[in-house]
Amino acid sequence: MADDMVNVDAGTNAGTGAGTGAGTGAGTDAGTDTAASVRDGDAVSRFVERFAAQLTEAGMQRMAARVFAQLLASDGGAMTSAELGEALQISPAAVSGAVSYLTQVNMVSREREPGSRRDRYVLHNELWYETFTRRDQVLTLWEKTLREGAATLGTDSPAGARVAETAAFFEFMQGEMLGLMDRWRAHKATIGLG
């Protein structure tokens, strides 16, 4: 079992387990937690692939889901293209395409490594909050368009009634989402995460 363990020194790239090809996702952050200095590379890889598969089933592009899950599993939430490629055993072109998608949907940002020409790909600190906030903006736009569509179709017609109900659902979701995010921030503070 010791052959499957990966030693990750703070400030270095995550290695791969002996023969596993699975990175730990520690990235290059000098502040890597010492409690996480030894990880089972196979277990980390299984987590990354399992979560990526779930994201793919939910509609995310497969390679983008793998890169996102790997970044999420990294202690610093940031990795270079080379680190992602090594950890996931994928080509630089695959990393580039995945990162392009993740950047476009605002799940990841690109930062220049200090003193280097290499880019690091970074998860946003409040990723889920930002994602839901953006979703709220989309719901507002959809609701407005759907209300206009319902008026155009006539709310007394079957299509108009269906579109009006969809608009009402989005309005309801929007109100619930705002309250949910407020409750999350309060809860996060009580459990020591904020």
N, C-alpha and C. Protein backbone atom coordinates (compact mmCIF):
# COMPACT_ATOMS: atom_id res chain seq x y z
N MET A 1 0.82 -1.19 0.00
CA MET A 1 0.00 0.00 0.00
C MET A 1 0.86 1.25 0.00
N ALA A 2 2.05 1.19 0.58
CA ALA A 2 2.91 2.36 0.63
C ALA A 2 3.31 2.82 -0.75
N ASP A 3 3.36 1.89 -1.72
CA ASP A 3 3.69 2.28 -3.10
C ASP A 3 2.63 3.17 -3.71
N ASP A 4 1.41 3.10 -3.20
CA ASP A 4 0.32 3.91 -3.73
C ASP A 4 0.27 5.29 -3.12
N MET A 5 1.06 5.56 -2.07
CA MET A 5 1.02 6.85 -1.41
C MET A 5 1.91 7.83 -2.16
N VAL A 6 1.51 9.08 -2.16
CA VAL A 6 2.24 10.12 -2.86
C VAL A 6 2.70 11.14 -1.84
N ASN A 7 3.98 11.46 -1.85
CA ASN A 7 4.50 12.49 -0.97
C ASN A 7 4.53 13.79 -1.74
N VAL A 8 3.86 14.80 -1.22
CA VAL A 8 3.79 16.10 -1.86
C VAL A 8 4.50 17.09 -0.98
N ASP A 9 5.65 17.58 -1.43
CA ASP A 9 6.37 18.60 -0.68
C ASP A 9 5.78 19.95 -0.99
N ALA A 10 5.62 20.79 0.05
CA ALA A 10 5.10 22.14 -0.15
C ALA A 10 5.98 22.86 -1.14
N GLY A 11 5.34 23.52 -2.10
CA GLY A 11 6.07 24.33 -3.07
C GLY A 11 6.52 23.56 -4.29
N THR A 12 6.17 22.29 -4.41
CA THR A 12 6.56 21.54 -5.60
C THR A 12 5.33 21.02 -6.29
N ASN A 13 5.54 20.57 -7.49
CA ASN A 13 4.44 20.00 -8.26
C ASN A 13 4.04 18.67 -7.64
N ALA A 14 2.76 18.35 -7.75
CA ALA A 14 2.27 17.08 -7.25
C ALA A 14 2.86 15.97 -8.09
N GLY A 15 3.39 14.96 -7.44
CA GLY A 15 3.92 13.82 -8.16
C GLY A 15 2.82 12.84 -8.45
N THR A 16 3.17 11.78 -9.11
CA THR A 16 2.19 10.74 -9.37
C THR A 16 2.53 9.54 -8.52
N GLY A 17 1.52 8.78 -8.21
CA GLY A 17 1.75 7.57 -7.42
C GLY A 17 2.56 6.58 -8.24
N ALA A 18 3.20 5.67 -7.58
CA ALA A 18 4.04 4.71 -8.27
C ALA A 18 3.24 3.93 -9.27
N GLY A 19 3.46 4.26 -10.54
CA GLY A 19 2.77 3.54 -11.61
C GLY A 19 1.31 3.88 -11.75
N THR A 20 0.79 4.83 -11.00
CA THR A 20 -0.65 5.08 -11.06
C THR A 20 -1.02 6.09 -12.11
N GLY A 21 -0.13 7.05 -12.39
CA GLY A 21 -0.47 8.12 -13.31
C GLY A 21 -1.46 9.09 -12.72
N ALA A 22 -1.73 9.00 -11.43
CA ALA A 22 -2.73 9.85 -10.80
C ALA A 22 -2.05 10.93 -10.00
N GLY A 23 -2.30 12.17 -10.33
CA GLY A 23 -1.74 13.28 -9.58
C GLY A 23 -2.55 13.56 -8.33
N THR A 24 -1.93 14.19 -7.38
CA THR A 24 -2.64 14.54 -6.17
C THR A 24 -3.37 15.85 -6.32
N GLY A 25 -2.97 16.63 -7.29
CA GLY A 25 -3.63 17.91 -7.48
C GLY A 25 -3.18 18.96 -6.51
N ALA A 26 -2.01 18.84 -5.95
CA ALA A 26 -1.57 19.82 -4.99
C ALA A 26 -1.17 21.12 -5.62
N GLY A 27 -0.80 21.12 -6.87
CA GLY A 27 -0.42 22.36 -7.54
C GLY A 27 0.92 22.85 -7.04
N THR A 28 1.20 24.13 -7.25
CA THR A 28 2.50 24.67 -6.91
C THR A 28 2.44 25.66 -5.78
N ASP A 29 1.44 25.62 -4.97
CA ASP A 29 1.31 26.60 -3.90
C ASP A 29 2.24 26.28 -2.76
N ALA A 30 3.02 27.28 -2.35
CA ALA A 30 3.97 27.10 -1.26
C ALA A 30 3.26 26.88 0.07
N GLY A 31 2.00 27.25 0.17
CA GLY A 31 1.27 27.12 1.42
C GLY A 31 0.51 25.83 1.55
N THR A 32 0.93 24.78 0.86
CA THR A 32 0.24 23.50 0.92
C THR A 32 0.17 23.01 2.36
N ASP A 33 -1.00 22.59 2.77
CA ASP A 33 -1.25 22.13 4.13
C ASP A 33 -0.44 20.88 4.42
N THR A 34 0.32 20.87 5.52
CA THR A 34 1.15 19.72 5.85
C THR A 34 0.31 18.50 6.19
N ALA A 35 -0.91 18.71 6.67
CA ALA A 35 -1.79 17.57 6.96
C ALA A 35 -2.14 16.82 5.69
N ALA A 36 -2.03 17.50 4.55
CA ALA A 36 -2.35 16.87 3.26
C ALA A 36 -1.08 16.53 2.50
N SER A 37 0.05 16.42 3.19
CA SER A 37 1.31 16.21 2.49
C SER A 37 1.48 14.80 1.96
N VAL A 38 0.71 13.85 2.47
CA VAL A 38 0.76 12.49 1.94
C VAL A 38 -0.66 12.09 1.54
N ARG A 39 -0.81 11.77 0.29
CA ARG A 39 -2.13 11.39 -0.22
C ARG A 39 -2.03 10.14 -1.06
N ASP A 40 -3.10 9.43 -1.13
CA ASP A 40 -3.21 8.26 -1.99
C ASP A 40 -3.57 8.77 -3.38
N GLY A 41 -2.60 8.74 -4.28
CA GLY A 41 -2.79 9.25 -5.64
C GLY A 41 -3.92 8.57 -6.37
N ASP A 42 -4.06 7.25 -6.16
CA ASP A 42 -5.16 6.54 -6.81
C ASP A 42 -6.52 7.01 -6.30
N ALA A 43 -6.63 7.24 -5.00
CA ALA A 43 -7.88 7.70 -4.42
C ALA A 43 -8.24 9.09 -4.93
N VAL A 44 -7.23 9.97 -5.02
CA VAL A 44 -7.48 11.31 -5.54
C VAL A 44 -7.94 11.22 -6.99
N SER A 45 -7.26 10.41 -7.78
CA SER A 45 -7.63 10.24 -9.18
C SER A 45 -9.05 9.70 -9.32
N ARG A 46 -9.40 8.73 -8.48
CA ARG A 46 -10.77 8.18 -8.54
C ARG A 46 -11.81 9.24 -8.21
N PHE A 47 -11.51 10.08 -7.20
CA PHE A 47 -12.43 11.17 -6.86
C PHE A 47 -12.58 12.12 -8.04
N VAL A 48 -11.46 12.54 -8.61
CA VAL A 48 -11.50 13.48 -9.74
C VAL A 48 -12.31 12.90 -10.88
N GLU A 49 -12.07 11.66 -11.23
CA GLU A 49 -12.78 11.04 -12.36
C GLU A 49 -14.26 10.83 -12.04
N ARG A 50 -14.57 10.46 -10.81
CA ARG A 50 -15.98 10.25 -10.42
C ARG A 50 -16.75 11.56 -10.48
N PHE A 51 -16.17 12.64 -9.90
CA PHE A 51 -16.87 13.93 -9.91
C PHE A 51 -16.96 14.47 -11.33
N ALA A 52 -15.90 14.29 -12.12
CA ALA A 52 -15.92 14.73 -13.52
C ALA A 52 -17.01 14.01 -14.30
N ALA A 53 -17.18 12.72 -14.05
CA ALA A 53 -18.24 11.96 -14.73
C ALA A 53 -19.62 12.50 -14.36
N GLN A 54 -19.80 12.87 -13.10
CA GLN A 54 -21.08 13.43 -12.67
C GLN A 54 -21.33 14.78 -13.33
N LEU A 55 -20.28 15.61 -13.43
CA LEU A 55 -20.42 16.90 -14.12
C LEU A 55 -20.74 16.69 -15.59
N THR A 56 -20.12 15.69 -16.21
CA THR A 56 -20.37 15.39 -17.62
C THR A 56 -21.81 14.94 -17.81
N GLU A 57 -22.30 14.10 -16.91
CA GLU A 57 -23.70 13.65 -16.98
C GLU A 57 -24.66 14.83 -16.84
N ALA A 58 -24.24 15.87 -16.12
CA ALA A 58 -25.07 17.06 -15.93
C ALA A 58 -24.97 18.02 -17.11
N GLY A 59 -24.08 17.72 -18.08
CA GLY A 59 -24.03 18.54 -19.28
C GLY A 59 -22.72 19.26 -19.56
N MET A 60 -21.75 19.16 -18.66
CA MET A 60 -20.47 19.84 -18.90
C MET A 60 -19.64 19.01 -19.89
N GLN A 61 -18.82 19.68 -20.67
CA GLN A 61 -17.91 18.98 -21.57
C GLN A 61 -17.00 18.07 -20.74
N ARG A 62 -16.70 16.88 -21.28
CA ARG A 62 -15.96 15.87 -20.52
C ARG A 62 -14.58 16.36 -20.07
N MET A 63 -13.78 16.89 -20.99
CA MET A 63 -12.43 17.29 -20.61
C MET A 63 -12.47 18.50 -19.67
N ALA A 64 -13.40 19.41 -19.90
CA ALA A 64 -13.54 20.56 -19.00
C ALA A 64 -13.92 20.09 -17.60
N ALA A 65 -14.78 19.08 -17.53
CA ALA A 65 -15.17 18.53 -16.23
C ALA A 65 -13.98 17.91 -15.51
N ARG A 66 -13.12 17.22 -16.24
CA ARG A 66 -11.93 16.61 -15.63
C ARG A 66 -10.98 17.67 -15.11
N VAL A 67 -10.74 18.70 -15.92
CA VAL A 67 -9.83 19.78 -15.51
C VAL A 67 -10.41 20.51 -14.30
N PHE A 68 -11.70 20.80 -14.33
CA PHE A 68 -12.34 21.48 -13.20
C PHE A 68 -12.22 20.64 -11.93
N ALA A 69 -12.52 19.37 -12.02
CA ALA A 69 -12.45 18.49 -10.84
C ALA A 69 -11.02 18.41 -10.32
N GLN A 70 -10.04 18.39 -11.21
CA GLN A 70 -8.63 18.34 -10.78
C GLN A 70 -8.25 19.63 -10.06
N LEU A 71 -8.68 20.77 -10.59
CA LEU A 71 -8.41 22.04 -9.91
C LEU A 71 -9.09 22.09 -8.54
N LEU A 72 -10.31 21.59 -8.49
CA LEU A 72 -11.04 21.57 -7.22
C LEU A 72 -10.32 20.70 -6.20
N ALA A 73 -9.69 19.63 -6.65
CA ALA A 73 -9.00 18.70 -5.76
C ALA A 73 -7.60 19.19 -5.38
N SER A 74 -7.15 20.27 -6.01
CA SER A 74 -5.81 20.79 -5.68
C SER A 74 -5.90 21.67 -4.45
N ASP A 75 -4.91 21.60 -3.59
CA ASP A 75 -4.94 22.38 -2.35
C ASP A 75 -5.04 23.87 -2.62
N GLY A 76 -4.32 24.36 -3.60
CA GLY A 76 -4.32 25.80 -3.87
C GLY A 76 -5.39 26.24 -4.83
N GLY A 77 -6.10 25.30 -5.46
CA GLY A 77 -7.12 25.67 -6.44
C GLY A 77 -6.54 26.28 -7.69
N ALA A 78 -5.25 26.02 -7.94
CA ALA A 78 -4.58 26.59 -9.11
C ALA A 78 -3.51 25.63 -9.59
N MET A 79 -3.41 25.46 -10.89
CA MET A 79 -2.40 24.60 -11.49
C MET A 79 -2.00 25.16 -12.85
N THR A 80 -0.80 24.81 -13.30
CA THR A 80 -0.37 25.19 -14.64
C THR A 80 -0.89 24.16 -15.63
N SER A 81 -0.77 24.49 -16.89
CA SER A 81 -1.17 23.56 -17.94
C SER A 81 -0.37 22.26 -17.84
N ALA A 82 0.94 22.38 -17.61
CA ALA A 82 1.78 21.18 -17.49
C ALA A 82 1.35 20.32 -16.31
N GLU A 83 1.03 20.94 -15.19
CA GLU A 83 0.59 20.18 -14.01
C GLU A 83 -0.74 19.48 -14.28
N LEU A 84 -1.66 20.17 -14.93
CA LEU A 84 -2.94 19.56 -15.27
C LEU A 84 -2.74 18.39 -16.23
N GLY A 85 -1.91 18.60 -17.24
CA GLY A 85 -1.64 17.53 -18.20
C GLY A 85 -1.03 16.31 -17.53
N GLU A 86 -0.09 16.53 -16.62
CA GLU A 86 0.56 15.42 -15.91
C GLU A 86 -0.43 14.70 -15.00
N ALA A 87 -1.19 15.48 -14.25
CA ALA A 87 -2.13 14.88 -13.30
C ALA A 87 -3.22 14.07 -13.98
N LEU A 88 -3.69 14.58 -15.11
CA LEU A 88 -4.80 13.92 -15.81
C LEU A 88 -4.36 13.03 -16.96
N GLN A 89 -3.04 13.05 -17.24
CA GLN A 89 -2.50 12.28 -18.36
C GLN A 89 -3.19 12.66 -19.67
N ILE A 90 -3.23 13.98 -19.94
CA ILE A 90 -3.85 14.49 -21.16
C ILE A 90 -2.87 15.41 -21.87
N SER A 91 -3.15 15.67 -23.12
CA SER A 91 -2.26 16.49 -23.95
C SER A 91 -2.42 17.97 -23.62
N PRO A 92 -1.41 18.78 -23.96
CA PRO A 92 -1.54 20.23 -23.79
C PRO A 92 -2.74 20.79 -24.56
N ALA A 93 -3.03 20.24 -25.74
CA ALA A 93 -4.18 20.71 -26.52
C ALA A 93 -5.49 20.44 -25.78
N ALA A 94 -5.59 19.29 -25.11
CA ALA A 94 -6.80 18.95 -24.35
C ALA A 94 -6.95 19.91 -23.17
N VAL A 95 -5.85 20.22 -22.49
CA VAL A 95 -5.89 21.18 -21.38
C VAL A 95 -6.34 22.53 -21.90
N SER A 96 -5.77 22.97 -23.02
CA SER A 96 -6.09 24.27 -23.60
C SER A 96 -7.57 24.39 -23.93
N GLY A 97 -8.12 23.37 -24.56
CA GLY A 97 -9.54 23.39 -24.91
C GLY A 97 -10.44 23.42 -23.68
N ALA A 98 -10.08 22.62 -22.67
CA ALA A 98 -10.87 22.56 -21.45
C ALA A 98 -10.83 23.89 -20.71
N VAL A 99 -9.63 24.45 -20.61
CA VAL A 99 -9.48 25.72 -19.91
C VAL A 99 -10.19 26.85 -20.66
N SER A 100 -10.16 26.79 -21.98
CA SER A 100 -10.86 27.80 -22.78
C SER A 100 -12.36 27.78 -22.44
N TYR A 101 -12.94 26.59 -22.37
CA TYR A 101 -14.36 26.46 -22.02
C TYR A 101 -14.61 26.95 -20.60
N LEU A 102 -13.80 26.52 -19.64
CA LEU A 102 -13.99 26.89 -18.24
C LEU A 102 -13.83 28.39 -18.03
N THR A 103 -12.93 29.01 -18.79
CA THR A 103 -12.74 30.46 -18.71
C THR A 103 -13.96 31.17 -19.29
N GLN A 104 -14.45 30.65 -20.40
CA GLN A 104 -15.61 31.26 -21.06
C GLN A 104 -16.85 31.25 -20.17
N VAL A 105 -17.02 30.20 -19.38
CA VAL A 105 -18.19 30.12 -18.49
C VAL A 105 -17.87 30.64 -17.09
N ASN A 106 -16.73 31.30 -16.94
CA ASN A 106 -16.32 31.97 -15.70
C ASN A 106 -16.17 31.04 -14.50
N MET A 107 -15.74 29.82 -14.75
CA MET A 107 -15.48 28.90 -13.64
C MET A 107 -14.01 28.92 -13.24
N VAL A 108 -13.17 29.39 -14.14
CA VAL A 108 -11.72 29.42 -13.94
C VAL A 108 -11.20 30.72 -14.52
N SER A 109 -10.15 31.25 -13.92
CA SER A 109 -9.49 32.41 -14.52
C SER A 109 -8.03 32.07 -14.76
N ARG A 110 -7.44 32.83 -15.65
CA ARG A 110 -6.04 32.63 -16.01
C ARG A 110 -5.21 33.71 -15.33
N GLU A 111 -4.14 33.31 -14.66
CA GLU A 111 -3.23 34.25 -14.02
C GLU A 111 -1.81 33.92 -14.44
N ARG A 112 -0.99 34.92 -14.54
CA ARG A 112 0.42 34.72 -14.87
C ARG A 112 1.16 34.35 -13.59
N GLU A 113 2.00 33.30 -13.65
CA GLU A 113 2.83 32.95 -12.50
C GLU A 113 3.84 34.07 -12.28
N PRO A 114 4.00 34.55 -11.05
CA PRO A 114 4.97 35.62 -10.79
C PRO A 114 6.37 35.22 -11.25
N GLY A 115 7.02 36.10 -12.01
CA GLY A 115 8.37 35.85 -12.48
C GLY A 115 8.48 34.80 -13.57
N SER A 116 7.36 34.47 -14.20
CA SER A 116 7.37 33.42 -15.20
C SER A 116 6.46 33.82 -16.36
N ARG A 117 6.63 33.14 -17.47
CA ARG A 117 5.72 33.36 -18.61
C ARG A 117 4.61 32.31 -18.62
N ARG A 118 4.61 31.42 -17.63
CA ARG A 118 3.59 30.37 -17.58
C ARG A 118 2.31 30.88 -16.95
N ASP A 119 1.20 30.42 -17.49
CA ASP A 119 -0.10 30.75 -16.91
C ASP A 119 -0.48 29.70 -15.89
N ARG A 120 -1.21 30.15 -14.88
CA ARG A 120 -1.83 29.27 -13.90
C ARG A 120 -3.33 29.41 -14.09
N TYR A 121 -4.05 28.33 -13.94
CA TYR A 121 -5.49 28.34 -14.05
C TYR A 121 -6.05 28.21 -12.64
N VAL A 122 -6.90 29.16 -12.27
CA VAL A 122 -7.30 29.34 -10.89
C VAL A 122 -8.82 29.27 -10.75
N LEU A 123 -9.27 28.50 -9.75
CA LEU A 123 -10.69 28.50 -9.41
C LEU A 123 -11.00 29.80 -8.67
N HIS A 124 -12.18 30.31 -8.87
CA HIS A 124 -12.60 31.50 -8.14
C HIS A 124 -12.84 31.13 -6.68
N ASN A 125 -12.54 32.06 -5.76
CA ASN A 125 -12.68 31.78 -4.33
C ASN A 125 -14.09 31.38 -3.95
N GLU A 126 -15.07 32.10 -4.42
CA GLU A 126 -16.46 31.78 -4.11
C GLU A 126 -17.14 31.28 -5.37
N LEU A 127 -16.57 30.21 -5.92
CA LEU A 127 -17.00 29.67 -7.21
C LEU A 127 -18.50 29.42 -7.27
N TRP A 128 -19.03 28.71 -6.30
CA TRP A 128 -20.45 28.33 -6.37
C TRP A 128 -21.34 29.56 -6.19
N TYR A 129 -20.95 30.47 -5.32
CA TYR A 129 -21.72 31.70 -5.16
C TYR A 129 -21.74 32.47 -6.48
N GLU A 130 -20.58 32.62 -7.10
CA GLU A 130 -20.50 33.35 -8.37
C GLU A 130 -21.30 32.65 -9.46
N THR A 131 -21.24 31.32 -9.48
CA THR A 131 -21.99 30.56 -10.48
C THR A 131 -23.49 30.78 -10.32
N PHE A 132 -23.97 30.70 -9.07
CA PHE A 132 -25.39 30.89 -8.84
C PHE A 132 -25.81 32.34 -9.07
N THR A 133 -24.92 33.28 -8.77
CA THR A 133 -25.23 34.69 -9.03
C THR A 133 -25.40 34.93 -10.52
N ARG A 134 -24.49 34.35 -11.32
CA ARG A 134 -24.61 34.48 -12.78
C ARG A 134 -25.88 33.78 -13.27
N ARG A 135 -26.19 32.66 -12.65
CA ARG A 135 -27.41 31.94 -13.03
C ARG A 135 -28.63 32.80 -12.75
N ASP A 136 -28.58 33.55 -11.63
CA ASP A 136 -29.65 34.46 -11.28
C ASP A 136 -29.85 35.51 -12.38
N GLN A 137 -28.75 36.03 -12.91
CA GLN A 137 -28.84 37.01 -13.99
C GLN A 137 -29.46 36.39 -15.24
N VAL A 138 -29.10 35.15 -15.52
CA VAL A 138 -29.69 34.44 -16.67
C VAL A 138 -31.17 34.22 -16.44
N LEU A 139 -31.56 33.83 -15.22
CA LEU A 139 -32.97 33.61 -14.92
C LEU A 139 -33.78 34.90 -15.10
N THR A 140 -33.20 36.04 -14.72
CA THR A 140 -33.87 37.32 -14.90
C THR A 140 -34.13 37.58 -16.38
N LEU A 141 -33.13 37.34 -17.19
CA LEU A 141 -33.26 37.55 -18.63
C LEU A 141 -34.30 36.60 -19.21
N TRP A 142 -34.24 35.33 -18.84
CA TRP A 142 -35.20 34.35 -19.34
C TRP A 142 -36.62 34.70 -18.91
N GLU A 143 -36.77 35.09 -17.64
CA GLU A 143 -38.10 35.44 -17.15
C GLU A 143 -38.70 36.58 -17.96
N LYS A 144 -37.91 37.62 -18.21
CA LYS A 144 -38.38 38.77 -18.99
C LYS A 144 -38.81 38.33 -20.39
N THR A 145 -37.95 37.54 -21.03
CA THR A 145 -38.26 37.07 -22.39
C THR A 145 -39.50 36.19 -22.38
N LEU A 146 -39.62 35.31 -21.39
CA LEU A 146 -40.78 34.42 -21.31
C LEU A 146 -42.07 35.20 -21.06
N ARG A 147 -42.02 36.22 -20.23
CA ARG A 147 -43.21 37.04 -19.98
C ARG A 147 -43.65 37.73 -21.28
N GLU A 148 -42.67 38.25 -22.04
CA GLU A 148 -43.00 38.86 -23.33
C GLU A 148 -43.58 37.82 -24.28
N GLY A 149 -43.00 36.60 -24.25
CA GLY A 149 -43.51 35.52 -25.09
C GLY A 149 -44.92 35.12 -24.72
N ALA A 150 -45.20 35.05 -23.42
CA ALA A 150 -46.55 34.69 -22.96
C ALA A 150 -47.56 35.73 -23.43
N ALA A 151 -47.18 37.01 -23.35
CA ALA A 151 -48.08 38.08 -23.80
C ALA A 151 -48.30 37.98 -25.31
N THR A 152 -47.23 37.67 -26.05
CA THR A 152 -47.34 37.54 -27.51
C THR A 152 -48.23 36.36 -27.88
N LEU A 153 -48.08 35.26 -27.17
CA LEU A 153 -48.86 34.05 -27.47
C LEU A 153 -50.28 34.14 -26.95
N GLY A 154 -50.47 34.99 -25.95
CA GLY A 154 -51.79 35.09 -25.31
C GLY A 154 -51.87 34.09 -24.18
N THR A 155 -51.99 34.58 -22.95
CA THR A 155 -51.98 33.68 -21.79
C THR A 155 -53.20 32.77 -21.73
N ASP A 156 -54.20 33.04 -22.59
CA ASP A 156 -55.37 32.16 -22.62
C ASP A 156 -55.17 30.98 -23.57
N SER A 157 -54.07 31.00 -24.34
CA SER A 157 -53.78 29.86 -25.21
C SER A 157 -52.95 28.84 -24.45
N PRO A 158 -52.99 27.57 -24.86
CA PRO A 158 -52.19 26.55 -24.17
C PRO A 158 -50.69 26.90 -24.17
N ALA A 159 -50.15 27.36 -25.31
CA ALA A 159 -48.73 27.71 -25.39
C ALA A 159 -48.42 28.91 -24.50
N GLY A 160 -49.27 29.92 -24.53
CA GLY A 160 -49.07 31.11 -23.71
C GLY A 160 -49.12 30.79 -22.23
N ALA A 161 -50.06 29.91 -21.85
CA ALA A 161 -50.17 29.52 -20.44
C ALA A 161 -48.93 28.75 -20.00
N ARG A 162 -48.43 27.89 -20.88
CA ARG A 162 -47.22 27.10 -20.56
C ARG A 162 -46.02 28.03 -20.40
N VAL A 163 -45.88 29.00 -21.29
CA VAL A 163 -44.76 29.95 -21.23
C VAL A 163 -44.89 30.84 -19.99
N ALA A 164 -46.12 31.27 -19.66
CA ALA A 164 -46.34 32.09 -18.47
C ALA A 164 -46.00 31.31 -17.20
N GLU A 165 -46.35 30.01 -17.17
CA GLU A 165 -46.01 29.19 -16.01
C GLU A 165 -44.49 29.05 -15.88
N THR A 166 -43.80 28.90 -17.00
CA THR A 166 -42.34 28.80 -16.98
C THR A 166 -41.74 30.10 -16.44
N ALA A 167 -42.26 31.24 -16.87
CA ALA A 167 -41.78 32.54 -16.38
C ALA A 167 -42.02 32.66 -14.88
N ALA A 168 -43.18 32.22 -14.42
CA ALA A 168 -43.49 32.27 -12.99
C ALA A 168 -42.55 31.37 -12.20
N PHE A 169 -42.22 30.20 -12.77
CA PHE A 169 -41.28 29.30 -12.11
C PHE A 169 -39.91 29.96 -11.96
N PHE A 170 -39.42 30.60 -13.03
CA PHE A 170 -38.12 31.27 -12.96
C PHE A 170 -38.14 32.42 -11.96
N GLU A 171 -39.25 33.13 -11.89
CA GLU A 171 -39.38 34.22 -10.90
C GLU A 171 -39.29 33.64 -9.48
N PHE A 172 -39.99 32.53 -9.26
CA PHE A 172 -39.96 31.86 -7.97
C PHE A 172 -38.54 31.39 -7.64
N MET A 173 -37.89 30.75 -8.61
CA MET A 173 -36.53 30.25 -8.42
C MET A 173 -35.57 31.38 -8.06
N GLN A 174 -35.75 32.49 -8.72
CA GLN A 174 -34.88 33.64 -8.50
C GLN A 174 -35.02 34.13 -7.05
N GLY A 175 -36.22 34.27 -6.58
CA GLY A 175 -36.45 34.70 -5.20
C GLY A 175 -35.88 33.71 -4.19
N GLU A 176 -36.08 32.44 -4.45
CA GLU A 176 -35.55 31.41 -3.56
C GLU A 176 -34.03 31.38 -3.58
N MET A 177 -33.44 31.60 -4.75
CA MET A 177 -31.98 31.57 -4.88
C MET A 177 -31.33 32.68 -4.06
N LEU A 178 -31.92 33.87 -4.09
CA LEU A 178 -31.37 34.99 -3.31
C LEU A 178 -31.39 34.68 -1.82
N GLY A 179 -32.51 34.16 -1.35
CA GLY A 179 -32.62 33.78 0.06
C GLY A 179 -31.67 32.64 0.41
N LEU A 180 -31.52 31.69 -0.48
CA LEU A 180 -30.63 30.57 -0.27
C LEU A 180 -29.18 31.03 -0.15
N MET A 181 -28.76 31.95 -1.00
CA MET A 181 -27.39 32.45 -0.95
C MET A 181 -27.13 33.23 0.33
N ASP A 182 -28.12 33.99 0.80
CA ASP A 182 -27.98 34.70 2.08
C ASP A 182 -27.84 33.70 3.23
N ARG A 183 -28.66 32.65 3.21
CA ARG A 183 -28.57 31.63 4.26
C ARG A 183 -27.23 30.89 4.19
N TRP A 184 -26.71 30.65 2.97
CA TRP A 184 -25.42 29.98 2.82
C TRP A 184 -24.30 30.82 3.44
N ARG A 185 -24.29 32.12 3.16
CA ARG A 185 -23.23 32.98 3.72
C ARG A 185 -23.28 32.95 5.25
N ALA A 186 -24.48 32.99 5.82
CA ALA A 186 -24.63 32.94 7.29
C ALA A 186 -24.16 31.58 7.82
N HIS A 187 -24.55 30.51 7.14
CA HIS A 187 -24.15 29.16 7.56
C HIS A 187 -22.65 28.97 7.45
N LYS A 188 -22.08 29.46 6.35
CA LYS A 188 -20.63 29.34 6.11
C LYS A 188 -19.84 29.96 7.27
N ALA A 189 -20.32 31.08 7.77
CA ALA A 189 -19.64 31.76 8.89
C ALA A 189 -19.74 30.92 10.17
N THR A 190 -20.85 30.21 10.36
CA THR A 190 -21.02 29.42 11.59
C THR A 190 -20.16 28.16 11.60
N ILE A 191 -19.77 27.68 10.42
CA ILE A 191 -18.96 26.46 10.37
C ILE A 191 -17.48 26.76 10.12
N GLY A 192 -17.13 28.05 10.26
CA GLY A 192 -15.72 28.43 10.16
C GLY A 192 -15.16 28.49 8.76
N LEU A 193 -16.00 28.65 7.76
CA LEU A 193 -15.52 28.71 6.38
C LEU A 193 -15.55 30.14 5.84
N GLY A 194 -16.02 31.08 6.58
CA GLY A 194 -16.10 32.42 6.02
C GLY A 194 -15.89 33.39 7.06
